[in-house]
Amino acid sequence: MSVEVTNETVWQLDSKVFSELGLWVMDQMRVSTQSDLTILFVDPDPIAHLHERWMNLEGPTDVMSFPMDELRPGDGKTTMEGVLGDIVICPWVAAQQAAAAGHSTMQEMMLLTIHGTLHLLGYDHVTPEQERQMFALQRQLLLTFMAVRESSIGSAQIPAGAGDALAVYDAEHAAHGVGK
């Protein structure tokens, strides 16, 4: 399969939805669906380590992208093919953002999957114009995917009794004097 989804968290989510979403976005962006994409769901501590190592920023973040072959969207005549790269998502941070935005954690993680994929394809949001373009495109891709999908999306849930890994991370790092 060209989209590999790995969940290293206690969150219960349907990997197939993310695999199909990755393939669909690649197709919409005219990147060969034979290209390789990895989506990895991790807890706050692993993404915080990546965030510090690669961005020099402390604390967990929602999504990080690691491009491989630096593929770009196809031009309509050519379909790009290769190793797109890896996307790392933290469901704990996504859940907080979803609550603040007023939508489900699943929708937030799908949006982050698209956001990460667009970063892999060279999109960025450094300037206001880039942000407007990228965020409009990711919203359009998410809404269209949800509209054309024949089966339900499902939800992302934490098993009953599972602790809040983000609160644990915050408590541990506050005790050590490390900010978020």
Protein backbone atom coordinates (compact mmCIF):
# COMPACT_ATOMS: atom_id res chain seq x y z
CA MET A 1 0.00 0.00 0.00
CA SER A 2 1.27 3.48 -0.74
CA VAL A 3 -0.13 5.10 2.45
CA GLU A 4 1.00 3.48 5.67
CA VAL A 5 -0.81 4.52 8.85
CA THR A 6 0.63 3.66 12.27
CA ASN A 7 -1.05 4.50 15.56
CA GLU A 8 1.34 4.43 18.53
CA THR A 9 -1.22 5.94 20.92
CA VAL A 10 -4.15 4.61 22.97
CA TRP A 11 -6.52 6.54 20.72
CA GLN A 12 -8.98 4.37 18.83
CA LEU A 13 -9.19 5.59 15.25
CA ASP A 14 -9.90 4.10 11.87
CA SER A 15 -6.57 3.89 10.05
CA LYS A 16 -8.39 3.14 6.81
CA VAL A 17 -9.96 6.61 6.77
CA PHE A 18 -6.53 8.24 6.97
CA SER A 19 -5.10 5.92 4.32
CA GLU A 20 -7.98 6.74 1.98
CA LEU A 21 -7.67 10.44 2.77
CA GLY A 22 -3.94 10.38 1.97
CA LEU A 23 -4.56 8.62 -1.35
CA TRP A 24 -7.41 10.98 -2.20
CA VAL A 25 -5.36 14.11 -1.48
CA MET A 26 -2.44 12.78 -3.53
CA ASP A 27 -4.83 12.12 -6.41
CA GLN A 28 -6.38 15.59 -6.14
CA MET A 29 -2.92 17.17 -6.12
CA ARG A 30 -1.86 15.04 -9.13
CA VAL A 31 0.72 13.03 -7.24
CA SER A 32 0.77 9.35 -8.12
CA THR A 33 -1.17 7.26 -5.64
CA GLN A 34 1.72 4.81 -6.02
CA SER A 35 3.86 7.33 -4.16
CA ASP A 36 4.72 6.53 -0.56
CA LEU A 37 3.25 8.44 2.36
CA THR A 38 3.48 7.53 6.04
CA ILE A 39 1.09 8.88 8.68
CA LEU A 40 2.14 8.30 12.27
CA PHE A 41 0.03 9.07 15.35
CA VAL A 42 2.11 9.63 18.49
CA ASP A 43 1.82 10.79 22.09
CA PRO A 44 2.93 14.25 23.29
CA ASP A 45 6.45 13.25 24.38
CA PRO A 46 7.66 11.86 21.01
CA ILE A 47 6.28 14.79 19.02
CA ALA A 48 7.75 17.24 21.55
CA HIS A 49 11.18 15.67 20.96
CA LEU A 50 10.73 16.00 17.17
CA HIS A 51 9.46 19.57 17.59
CA GLU A 52 12.53 20.56 19.58
CA ARG A 53 15.00 18.68 17.37
CA TRP A 54 13.73 19.89 14.00
CA MET A 55 12.05 23.22 14.79
CA ASN A 56 13.95 24.24 17.92
CA LEU A 57 10.59 24.80 19.65
CA GLU A 58 9.62 23.34 23.00
CA GLY A 59 6.56 21.25 23.73
CA PRO A 60 4.22 19.08 21.71
CA THR A 61 2.69 20.34 18.49
CA ASP A 62 -0.23 19.14 16.39
CA VAL A 63 1.48 17.96 13.19
CA MET A 64 4.93 17.78 11.66
CA SER A 65 5.89 16.89 8.11
CA PHE A 66 9.12 15.33 6.90
CA PRO A 67 9.43 15.48 3.09
CA MET A 68 11.54 12.91 1.27
CA ASP A 69 11.67 13.35 -2.53
CA GLU A 70 10.36 16.93 -2.46
CA LEU A 71 7.50 16.10 -4.80
CA ARG A 72 5.30 18.94 -6.02
CA PRO A 73 1.72 18.86 -7.32
CA GLY A 74 1.40 17.65 -10.90
CA ASP A 75 0.54 20.10 -13.66
CA GLY A 76 -2.39 18.19 -15.13
CA LYS A 77 -0.24 16.55 -17.81
CA THR A 78 2.31 14.98 -15.48
CA THR A 79 1.68 12.93 -12.36
CA MET A 80 4.56 13.12 -9.90
CA GLU A 81 5.74 9.87 -8.31
CA GLY A 82 8.16 9.03 -5.52
CA VAL A 83 8.39 9.05 -1.73
CA LEU A 84 6.24 11.92 -0.50
CA GLY A 85 7.38 11.64 3.12
CA ASP A 86 6.13 11.26 6.68
CA ILE A 87 3.45 13.07 8.65
CA VAL A 88 3.45 12.85 12.45
CA ILE A 89 0.24 13.82 14.29
CA CYS A 90 -0.44 14.12 18.02
CA PRO A 91 -4.12 13.27 18.71
CA TRP A 92 -3.88 14.86 22.17
CA VAL A 93 -3.05 18.28 20.72
CA ALA A 94 -5.58 17.73 17.93
CA ALA A 95 -8.30 17.10 20.53
CA GLN A 96 -7.59 20.44 22.21
CA GLN A 97 -7.66 22.26 18.89
CA ALA A 98 -10.86 20.50 17.86
CA ALA A 99 -12.58 21.55 21.08
CA ALA A 100 -11.47 25.16 20.54
CA ALA A 101 -12.63 25.08 16.89
CA GLY A 102 -15.96 23.41 17.66
CA HIS A 103 -15.56 20.26 15.59
CA SER A 104 -14.61 16.63 16.23
CA THR A 105 -11.13 15.34 16.97
CA MET A 106 -11.45 13.09 13.92
CA GLN A 107 -12.14 16.10 11.68
CA GLU A 108 -9.17 17.92 13.21
CA MET A 109 -6.85 14.97 12.59
CA MET A 110 -8.11 14.69 9.01
CA LEU A 111 -7.44 18.41 8.55
CA LEU A 112 -3.96 17.93 10.02
CA THR A 113 -3.36 15.02 7.63
CA ILE A 114 -4.21 17.28 4.70
CA HIS A 115 -2.17 20.13 6.19
CA GLY A 116 0.83 17.85 6.58
CA THR A 117 0.45 16.50 3.06
CA LEU A 118 0.34 20.01 1.63
CA HIS A 119 3.56 20.83 3.52
CA LEU A 120 5.13 17.72 1.95
CA LEU A 121 4.11 19.13 -1.43
CA GLY A 122 5.85 22.43 -0.78
CA TYR A 123 2.98 24.54 0.54
CA ASP A 124 3.69 26.80 3.49
CA HIS A 125 1.96 29.50 5.53
CA VAL A 126 4.75 31.91 6.40
CA THR A 127 3.19 34.94 4.71
CA PRO A 128 -0.47 35.99 5.01
CA GLU A 129 -1.01 35.20 1.30
CA GLN A 130 0.54 31.72 1.65
CA GLU A 131 -1.58 31.06 4.73
CA ARG A 132 -4.77 32.17 2.98
CA GLN A 133 -4.03 29.95 -0.02
CA MET A 134 -2.94 26.88 1.97
CA PHE A 135 -5.73 27.03 4.54
CA ALA A 136 -8.39 27.56 1.86
CA LEU A 137 -7.06 24.57 -0.10
CA GLN A 138 -6.91 22.28 2.95
CA ARG A 139 -10.46 23.25 3.93
CA GLN A 140 -11.70 22.64 0.37
CA LEU A 141 -9.96 19.25 0.26
CA LEU A 142 -11.41 18.19 3.63
CA LEU A 143 -14.97 19.27 2.84
CA THR A 144 -14.85 17.65 -0.61
CA PHE A 145 -13.44 14.39 0.79
CA MET A 146 -16.18 14.26 3.41
CA ALA A 147 -18.84 15.05 0.80
CA VAL A 148 -17.77 12.39 -1.72
CA ARG A 149 -16.98 9.64 0.80
CA GLU A 150 -19.61 6.94 0.62
CA SER A 151 -19.16 5.52 4.13
CA SER A 152 -19.18 7.32 7.44
CA ILE A 153 -16.01 8.88 8.81
CA GLY A 154 -16.33 7.50 12.33
CA SER A 155 -14.72 9.05 15.35
CA ALA A 156 -11.46 9.11 17.25
CA GLN A 157 -11.80 8.16 20.88
CA ILE A 158 -9.74 7.56 23.96
CA PRO A 159 -10.52 4.25 25.71
CA ALA A 160 -12.39 4.59 28.99
CA GLY A 161 -9.98 4.98 31.86
CA ALA A 162 -7.04 6.11 29.72
CA GLY A 163 -5.23 9.07 31.21
CA ASP A 164 -4.66 12.39 29.52
CA ALA A 165 -1.14 12.09 28.08
CA LEU A 166 -0.97 15.81 27.32
CA ALA A 167 -1.79 16.73 30.93
CA VAL A 168 0.83 14.21 32.11
CA TYR A 169 3.40 15.74 29.73
CA ASP A 170 2.57 19.25 30.95
CA ALA A 171 2.76 18.23 34.62
CA GLU A 172 6.09 16.44 34.18
CA HIS A 173 7.66 19.33 32.32
CA ALA A 174 6.24 21.98 34.65
CA ALA A 175 7.82 20.08 37.55
CA HIS A 176 11.19 20.29 35.78
CA GLY A 177 10.78 23.98 35.03
CA VAL A 178 10.45 23.38 31.29
CA GLY A 179 7.74 25.44 29.58
CA LYS A 180 5.32 24.16 27.04
